[in-house]
Amino acid sequence: MINPIMISLIIGITQAIKIAGLPKKFAPIVSLVLGIIMCVFFESKGDIKQSVLDGIILGLTASGLFSGYKSMTKNSKN
């Protein structure tokens, strides 16, 4: 199950890593890896394949939500 709190954590951690100096082009990869790690360690119910798939979905969702929010706020400023 995809946890909205985990999505928020991934967005926040990825932003902190970007502020620390990570090039922005690597942010989706960081989100993906964080999603997989979080699901495998915190949401694992014995099925590692399902946890990895959930982690991929979680990471890509976090990355997409942030980029969507960014593009919406950028367009509203014009």
PDB file of N, CA and C in Angstrom:
ATOM      1  N   MET A   1       0.840  -1.186   0.000  1.00  0.00           N
ATOM      2  CA  MET A   1       0.000   0.000   0.000  1.00  0.00           C
ATOM      3  C   MET A   1       0.883   1.247   0.000  1.00  0.00           C
ATOM      4  N   ILE A   2       0.519   2.210  -0.804  1.00  0.00           N
ATOM      5  CA  ILE A   2       1.284   3.445  -0.916  1.00  0.00           C
ATOM      6  C   ILE A   2       0.870   4.390   0.213  1.00  0.00           C
ATOM      7  N   ASN A   3       1.852   4.828   0.972  1.00  0.00           N
ATOM      8  CA  ASN A   3       1.616   5.674   2.129  1.00  0.00           C
ATOM      9  C   ASN A   3       1.900   7.133   1.769  1.00  0.00           C
ATOM     10  N   PRO A   4       0.919   8.017   1.880  1.00  0.00           N
ATOM     11  CA  PRO A   4       1.145   9.426   1.537  1.00  0.00           C
ATOM     12  C   PRO A   4       2.213  10.096   2.394  1.00  0.00           C
ATOM     13  N   ILE A   5       2.376   9.641   3.617  1.00  0.00           N
ATOM     14  CA  ILE A   5       3.418  10.211   4.474  1.00  0.00           C
ATOM     15  C   ILE A   5       4.794   9.887   3.907  1.00  0.00           C
ATOM     16  N   MET A   6       4.954   8.687   3.370  1.00  0.00           N
ATOM     17  CA  MET A   6       6.235   8.306   2.781  1.00  0.00           C
ATOM     18  C   MET A   6       6.532   9.143   1.537  1.00  0.00           C
ATOM     19  N   ILE A   7       5.496   9.475   0.775  1.00  0.00           N
ATOM     20  CA  ILE A   7       5.693  10.329  -0.396  1.00  0.00           C
ATOM     21  C   ILE A   7       6.213  11.689   0.049  1.00  0.00           C
ATOM     22  N   SER A   8       5.632  12.232   1.097  1.00  0.00           N
ATOM     23  CA  SER A   8       6.085  13.524   1.618  1.00  0.00           C
ATOM     24  C   SER A   8       7.521  13.450   2.107  1.00  0.00           C
ATOM     25  N   LEU A   9       7.871  12.366   2.779  1.00  0.00           N
ATOM     26  CA  LEU A   9       9.242  12.190   3.248  1.00  0.00           C
ATOM     27  C   LEU A   9      10.225  12.122   2.089  1.00  0.00           C
ATOM     28  N   ILE A  10       9.859  11.398   1.050  1.00  0.00           N
ATOM     29  CA  ILE A  10      10.746  11.279  -0.115  1.00  0.00           C
ATOM     30  C   ILE A  10      10.949  12.640  -0.769  1.00  0.00           C
ATOM     31  N   ILE A  11       9.875  13.407  -0.912  1.00  0.00           N
ATOM     32  CA  ILE A  11       9.998  14.749  -1.496  1.00  0.00           C
ATOM     33  C   ILE A  11      10.923  15.614  -0.636  1.00  0.00           C
ATOM     34  N   GLY A  12      10.733  15.580   0.658  1.00  0.00           N
ATOM     35  CA  GLY A  12      11.558  16.383   1.564  1.00  0.00           C
ATOM     36  C   GLY A  12      13.018  15.977   1.568  1.00  0.00           C
ATOM     37  N   ILE A  13      13.276  14.684   1.631  1.00  0.00           N
ATOM     38  CA  ILE A  13      14.661  14.196   1.637  1.00  0.00           C
ATOM     39  C   ILE A  13      15.342  14.512   0.314  1.00  0.00           C
ATOM     40  N   THR A  14      14.629  14.343  -0.784  1.00  0.00           N
ATOM     41  CA  THR A  14      15.200  14.642  -2.095  1.00  0.00           C
ATOM     42  C   THR A  14      15.522  16.131  -2.201  1.00  0.00           C
ATOM     43  N   GLN A  15      14.637  16.989  -1.706  1.00  0.00           N
ATOM     44  CA  GLN A  15      14.908  18.424  -1.722  1.00  0.00           C
ATOM     45  C   GLN A  15      16.140  18.760  -0.881  1.00  0.00           C
ATOM     46  N   ALA A  16      16.261  18.144   0.283  1.00  0.00           N
ATOM     47  CA  ALA A  16      17.426  18.391   1.144  1.00  0.00           C
ATOM     48  C   ALA A  16      18.715  17.966   0.454  1.00  0.00           C
ATOM     49  N   ILE A  17      18.670  16.841  -0.247  1.00  0.00           N
ATOM     50  CA  ILE A  17      19.856  16.362  -0.966  1.00  0.00           C
ATOM     51  C   ILE A  17      20.197  17.311  -2.115  1.00  0.00           C
ATOM     52  N   LYS A  18      19.182  17.839  -2.798  1.00  0.00           N
ATOM     53  CA  LYS A  18      19.434  18.806  -3.869  1.00  0.00           C
ATOM     54  C   LYS A  18      20.049  20.090  -3.310  1.00  0.00           C
ATOM     55  N   ILE A  19      19.564  20.544  -2.170  1.00  0.00           N
ATOM     56  CA  ILE A  19      20.122  21.744  -1.542  1.00  0.00           C
ATOM     57  C   ILE A  19      21.569  21.499  -1.124  1.00  0.00           C
ATOM     58  N   ALA A  20      21.869  20.268  -0.736  1.00  0.00           N
ATOM     59  CA  ALA A  20      23.224  19.917  -0.319  1.00  0.00           C
ATOM     60  C   ALA A  20      24.203  19.867  -1.491  1.00  0.00           C
ATOM     61  N   GLY A  21      23.683  19.911  -2.721  1.00  0.00           N
ATOM     62  CA  GLY A  21      24.597  19.984  -3.855  1.00  0.00           C
ATOM     63  C   GLY A  21      24.393  18.965  -4.949  1.00  0.00           C
ATOM     64  N   LEU A  22      23.410  18.104  -4.839  1.00  0.00           N
ATOM     65  CA  LEU A  22      23.156  17.124  -5.894  1.00  0.00           C
ATOM     66  C   LEU A  22      22.593  17.838  -7.128  1.00  0.00           C
ATOM     67  N   PRO A  23      23.133  17.555  -8.322  1.00  0.00           N
ATOM     68  CA  PRO A  23      22.546  18.145  -9.529  1.00  0.00           C
ATOM     69  C   PRO A  23      21.078  17.740  -9.680  1.00  0.00           C
ATOM     70  N   LYS A  24      20.260  18.685 -10.138  1.00  0.00           N
ATOM     71  CA  LYS A  24      18.813  18.468 -10.222  1.00  0.00           C
ATOM     72  C   LYS A  24      18.439  17.322 -11.143  1.00  0.00           C
ATOM     73  N   LYS A  25      19.282  17.019 -12.119  1.00  0.00           N
ATOM     74  CA  LYS A  25      18.937  15.952 -13.053  1.00  0.00           C
ATOM     75  C   LYS A  25      18.934  14.571 -12.394  1.00  0.00           C
ATOM     76  N   PHE A  26      19.562  14.443 -11.218  1.00  0.00           N
ATOM     77  CA  PHE A  26      19.597  13.160 -10.512  1.00  0.00           C
ATOM     78  C   PHE A  26      18.475  13.009  -9.483  1.00  0.00           C
ATOM     79  N   ALA A  27      17.661  14.034  -9.311  1.00  0.00           N
ATOM     80  CA  ALA A  27      16.596  13.994  -8.300  1.00  0.00           C
ATOM     81  C   ALA A  27      15.598  12.853  -8.519  1.00  0.00           C
ATOM     82  N   PRO A  28      15.139  12.574  -9.752  1.00  0.00           N
ATOM     83  CA  PRO A  28      14.218  11.448  -9.916  1.00  0.00           C
ATOM     84  C   PRO A  28      14.834  10.099  -9.536  1.00  0.00           C
ATOM     85  N   ILE A  29      16.110   9.935  -9.804  1.00  0.00           N
ATOM     86  CA  ILE A  29      16.788   8.682  -9.434  1.00  0.00           C
ATOM     87  C   ILE A  29      16.865   8.562  -7.921  1.00  0.00           C
ATOM     88  N   VAL A  30      17.168   9.666  -7.247  1.00  0.00           N
ATOM     89  CA  VAL A  30      17.218   9.663  -5.782  1.00  0.00           C
ATOM     90  C   VAL A  30      15.839   9.328  -5.218  1.00  0.00           C
ATOM     91  N   SER A  31      14.789   9.906  -5.783  1.00  0.00           N
ATOM     92  CA  SER A  31      13.429   9.611  -5.327  1.00  0.00           C
ATOM     93  C   SER A  31      13.082   8.140  -5.516  1.00  0.00           C
ATOM     94  N   LEU A  32      13.481   7.603  -6.655  1.00  0.00           N
ATOM     95  CA  LEU A  32      13.219   6.198  -6.943  1.00  0.00           C
ATOM     96  C   LEU A  32      13.927   5.285  -5.941  1.00  0.00           C
ATOM     97  N   VAL A  33      15.202   5.557  -5.698  1.00  0.00           N
ATOM     98  CA  VAL A  33      15.978   4.737  -4.751  1.00  0.00           C
ATOM     99  C   VAL A  33      15.414   4.860  -3.340  1.00  0.00           C
ATOM    100  N   LEU A  34      15.074   6.082  -2.937  1.00  0.00           N
ATOM    101  CA  LEU A  34      14.488   6.270  -1.605  1.00  0.00           C
ATOM    102  C   LEU A  34      13.167   5.520  -1.465  1.00  0.00           C
ATOM    103  N   GLY A  35      12.352   5.554  -2.515  1.00  0.00           N
ATOM    104  CA  GLY A  35      11.083   4.833  -2.474  1.00  0.00           C
ATOM    105  C   GLY A  35      11.269   3.342  -2.308  1.00  0.00           C
ATOM    106  N   ILE A  36      12.212   2.781  -3.050  1.00  0.00           N
ATOM    107  CA  ILE A  36      12.479   1.344  -2.944  1.00  0.00           C
ATOM    108  C   ILE A  36      12.988   1.001  -1.544  1.00  0.00           C
ATOM    109  N   ILE A  37      13.943   1.785  -1.053  1.00  0.00           N
ATOM    110  CA  ILE A  37      14.513   1.519   0.276  1.00  0.00           C
ATOM    111  C   ILE A  37      13.437   1.600   1.356  1.00  0.00           C
ATOM    112  N   MET A  38      12.609   2.647   1.293  1.00  0.00           N
ATOM    113  CA  MET A  38      11.569   2.805   2.316  1.00  0.00           C
ATOM    114  C   MET A  38      10.568   1.659   2.286  1.00  0.00           C
ATOM    115  N   CYS A  39      10.163   1.253   1.112  1.00  0.00           N
ATOM    116  CA  CYS A  39       9.174   0.170   1.034  1.00  0.00           C
ATOM    117  C   CYS A  39       9.762  -1.168   1.452  1.00  0.00           C
ATOM    118  N   VAL A  40      10.995  -1.423   1.078  1.00  0.00           N
ATOM    119  CA  VAL A  40      11.602  -2.708   1.438  1.00  0.00           C
ATOM    120  C   VAL A  40      11.792  -2.802   2.948  1.00  0.00           C
ATOM    121  N   PHE A  41      12.218  -1.699   3.577  1.00  0.00           N
ATOM    122  CA  PHE A  41      12.511  -1.758   5.007  1.00  0.00           C
ATOM    123  C   PHE A  41      11.320  -1.459   5.910  1.00  0.00           C
ATOM    124  N   PHE A  42      10.386  -0.631   5.458  1.00  0.00           N
ATOM    125  CA  PHE A  42       9.306  -0.219   6.348  1.00  0.00           C
ATOM    126  C   PHE A  42       7.944  -0.808   5.990  1.00  0.00           C
ATOM    127  N   GLU A  43       7.730  -1.200   4.758  1.00  0.00           N
ATOM    128  CA  GLU A  43       6.426  -1.708   4.329  1.00  0.00           C
ATOM    129  C   GLU A  43       6.481  -3.178   3.932  1.00  0.00           C
ATOM    130  N   SER A  44       7.613  -3.811   4.129  1.00  0.00           N
ATOM    131  CA  SER A  44       7.791  -5.195   3.682  1.00  0.00           C
ATOM    132  C   SER A  44       6.924  -6.145   4.501  1.00  0.00           C
ATOM    133  N   LYS A  45       6.174  -6.953   3.800  1.00  0.00           N
ATOM    134  CA  LYS A  45       5.343  -7.965   4.455  1.00  0.00           C
ATOM    135  C   LYS A  45       5.753  -9.361   3.982  1.00  0.00           C
ATOM    136  N   GLY A  46       7.014  -9.505   3.657  1.00  0.00           N
ATOM    137  CA  GLY A  46       7.522 -10.809   3.254  1.00  0.00           C
ATOM    138  C   GLY A  46       7.706 -10.974   1.762  1.00  0.00           C
ATOM    139  N   ASP A  47       6.992 -10.220   0.950  1.00  0.00           N
ATOM    140  CA  ASP A  47       7.107 -10.340  -0.500  1.00  0.00           C
ATOM    141  C   ASP A  47       7.995  -9.216  -1.015  1.00  0.00           C
ATOM    142  N   ILE A  48       9.258  -9.520  -1.245  1.00  0.00           N
ATOM    143  CA  ILE A  48      10.235  -8.514  -1.649  1.00  0.00           C
ATOM    144  C   ILE A  48       9.911  -7.928  -3.022  1.00  0.00           C
ATOM    145  N   LYS A  49       9.393  -8.748  -3.928  1.00  0.00           N
ATOM    146  CA  LYS A  49       9.051  -8.248  -5.264  1.00  0.00           C
ATOM    147  C   LYS A  49       7.974  -7.176  -5.183  1.00  0.00           C
ATOM    148  N   GLN A  50       6.961  -7.417  -4.385  1.00  0.00           N
ATOM    149  CA  GLN A  50       5.885  -6.442  -4.219  1.00  0.00           C
ATOM    150  C   GLN A  50       6.398  -5.177  -3.549  1.00  0.00           C
ATOM    151  N   SER A  51       7.295  -5.327  -2.569  1.00  0.00           N
ATOM    152  CA  SER A  51       7.863  -4.160  -1.892  1.00  0.00           C
ATOM    153  C   SER A  51       8.677  -3.303  -2.849  1.00  0.00           C
ATOM    154  N   VAL A  52       9.463  -3.938  -3.716  1.00  0.00           N
ATOM    155  CA  VAL A  52      10.262  -3.192  -4.693  1.00  0.00           C
ATOM    156  C   VAL A  52       9.340  -2.475  -5.678  1.00  0.00           C
ATOM    157  N   LEU A  53       8.309  -3.155  -6.144  1.00  0.00           N
ATOM    158  CA  LEU A  53       7.355  -2.526  -7.061  1.00  0.00           C
ATOM    159  C   LEU A  53       6.655  -1.347  -6.392  1.00  0.00           C
ATOM    160  N   ASP A  54       6.222  -1.531  -5.152  1.00  0.00           N
ATOM    161  CA  ASP A  54       5.601  -0.425  -4.417  1.00  0.00           C
ATOM    162  C   ASP A  54       6.583   0.730  -4.245  1.00  0.00           C
ATOM    163  N   GLY A  55       7.851   0.420  -4.014  1.00  0.00           N
ATOM    164  CA  GLY A  55       8.878   1.451  -3.870  1.00  0.00           C
ATOM    165  C   GLY A  55       9.098   2.228  -5.153  1.00  0.00           C
ATOM    166  N   ILE A  56       9.079   1.529  -6.274  1.00  0.00           N
ATOM    167  CA  ILE A  56       9.211   2.198  -7.569  1.00  0.00           C
ATOM    168  C   ILE A  56       8.036   3.144  -7.785  1.00  0.00           C
ATOM    169  N   ILE A  57       6.843   2.675  -7.504  1.00  0.00           N
ATOM    170  CA  ILE A  57       5.649   3.513  -7.653  1.00  0.00           C
ATOM    171  C   ILE A  57       5.728   4.711  -6.712  1.00  0.00           C
ATOM    172  N   LEU A  58       6.157   4.472  -5.487  1.00  0.00           N
ATOM    173  CA  LEU A  58       6.268   5.536  -4.491  1.00  0.00           C
ATOM    174  C   LEU A  58       7.275   6.597  -4.929  1.00  0.00           C
ATOM    175  N   GLY A  59       8.446   6.168  -5.373  1.00  0.00           N
ATOM    176  CA  GLY A  59       9.481   7.113  -5.798  1.00  0.00           C
ATOM    177  C   GLY A  59       9.086   7.916  -7.013  1.00  0.00           C
ATOM    178  N   LEU A  60       8.498   7.258  -7.996  1.00  0.00           N
ATOM    179  CA  LEU A  60       8.075   7.963  -9.199  1.00  0.00           C
ATOM    180  C   LEU A  60       6.908   8.898  -8.911  1.00  0.00           C
ATOM    181  N   THR A  61       6.028   8.493  -8.014  1.00  0.00           N
ATOM    182  CA  THR A  61       4.920   9.362  -7.617  1.00  0.00           C
ATOM    183  C   THR A  61       5.448  10.610  -6.929  1.00  0.00           C
ATOM    184  N   ALA A  62       6.377  10.436  -6.005  1.00  0.00           N
ATOM    185  CA  ALA A  62       6.955  11.589  -5.298  1.00  0.00           C
ATOM    186  C   ALA A  62       7.638  12.526  -6.279  1.00  0.00           C
ATOM    187  N   SER A  63       8.368  11.993  -7.207  1.00  0.00           N
ATOM    188  CA  SER A  63       9.062  12.810  -8.201  1.00  0.00           C
ATOM    189  C   SER A  63       8.066  13.552  -9.089  1.00  0.00           C
ATOM    190  N   GLY A  64       7.044  12.874  -9.514  1.00  0.00           N
ATOM    191  CA  GLY A  64       6.032  13.484 -10.373  1.00  0.00           C
ATOM    192  C   GLY A  64       5.199  14.522  -9.664  1.00  0.00           C
ATOM    193  N   LEU A  65       4.861  14.268  -8.407  1.00  0.00           N
ATOM    194  CA  LEU A  65       4.072  15.238  -7.652  1.00  0.00           C
ATOM    195  C   LEU A  65       4.841  16.534  -7.462  1.00  0.00           C
ATOM    196  N   PHE A  66       6.127  16.409  -7.166  1.00  0.00           N
ATOM    197  CA  PHE A  66       6.920  17.612  -6.953  1.00  0.00           C
ATOM    198  C   PHE A  66       7.096  18.401  -8.240  1.00  0.00           C
ATOM    199  N   SER A  67       7.393  17.713  -9.337  1.00  0.00           N
ATOM    200  CA  SER A  67       7.583  18.434 -10.595  1.00  0.00           C
ATOM    201  C   SER A  67       6.267  19.047 -11.071  1.00  0.00           C
ATOM    202  N   GLY A  68       5.156  18.372 -10.834  1.00  0.00           N
ATOM    203  CA  GLY A  68       3.857  18.933 -11.181  1.00  0.00           C
ATOM    204  C   GLY A  68       3.536  20.176 -10.370  1.00  0.00           C
ATOM    205  N   TYR A  69       3.833  20.126  -9.089  1.00  0.00           N
ATOM    206  CA  TYR A  69       3.612  21.283  -8.222  1.00  0.00           C
ATOM    207  C   TYR A  69       4.481  22.456  -8.664  1.00  0.00           C
ATOM    208  N   LYS A  70       5.747  22.149  -8.986  1.00  0.00           N
ATOM    209  CA  LYS A  70       6.675  23.184  -9.412  1.00  0.00           C
ATOM    210  C   LYS A  70       6.202  23.865 -10.695  1.00  0.00           C
ATOM    211  N   SER A  71       5.741  23.071 -11.651  1.00  0.00           N
ATOM    212  CA  SER A  71       5.298  23.662 -12.909  1.00  0.00           C
ATOM    213  C   SER A  71       4.014  24.469 -12.728  1.00  0.00           C
ATOM    214  N   MET A  72       3.150  24.032 -11.817  1.00  0.00           N
ATOM    215  CA  MET A  72       1.915  24.795 -11.568  1.00  0.00           C
ATOM    216  C   MET A  72       2.227  26.138 -10.905  1.00  0.00           C
ATOM    217  N   THR A  73       3.128  26.163  -9.937  1.00  0.00           N
ATOM    218  CA  THR A  73       3.450  27.417  -9.265  1.00  0.00           C
ATOM    219  C   THR A  73       4.225  28.331 -10.193  1.00  0.00           C
ATOM    220  N   LYS A  74       5.029  27.757 -11.063  1.00  0.00           N
ATOM    221  CA  LYS A  74       5.783  28.573 -12.024  1.00  0.00           C
ATOM    222  C   LYS A  74       4.823  29.265 -12.990  1.00  0.00           C
ATOM    223  N   ASN A  75       3.792  28.548 -13.447  1.00  0.00           N
ATOM    224  CA  ASN A  75       2.836  29.124 -14.380  1.00  0.00           C
ATOM    225  C   ASN A  75       1.935  30.150 -13.708  1.00  0.00           C
ATOM    226  N   SER A  76       1.660  29.993 -12.427  1.00  0.00           N
ATOM    227  CA  SER A  76       0.765  30.931 -11.751  1.00  0.00           C
ATOM    228  C   SER A  76       1.446  32.259 -11.451  1.00  0.00           C
ATOM    229  N   LYS A  77       2.779  32.293 -11.445  1.00  0.00           N
ATOM    230  CA  LYS A  77       3.514  33.531 -11.192  1.00  0.00           C
ATOM    231  C   LYS A  77       3.508  34.442 -12.412  1.00  0.00           C
ATOM    232  N   ASN A  78       3.269  33.888 -13.578  1.00  0.00           N
ATOM    233  CA  ASN A  78       3.285  34.697 -14.814  1.00  0.00           C
ATOM    234  C   ASN A  78       2.004  35.448 -15.007  1.00  0.00           C
TER     235      ASN A  78
END
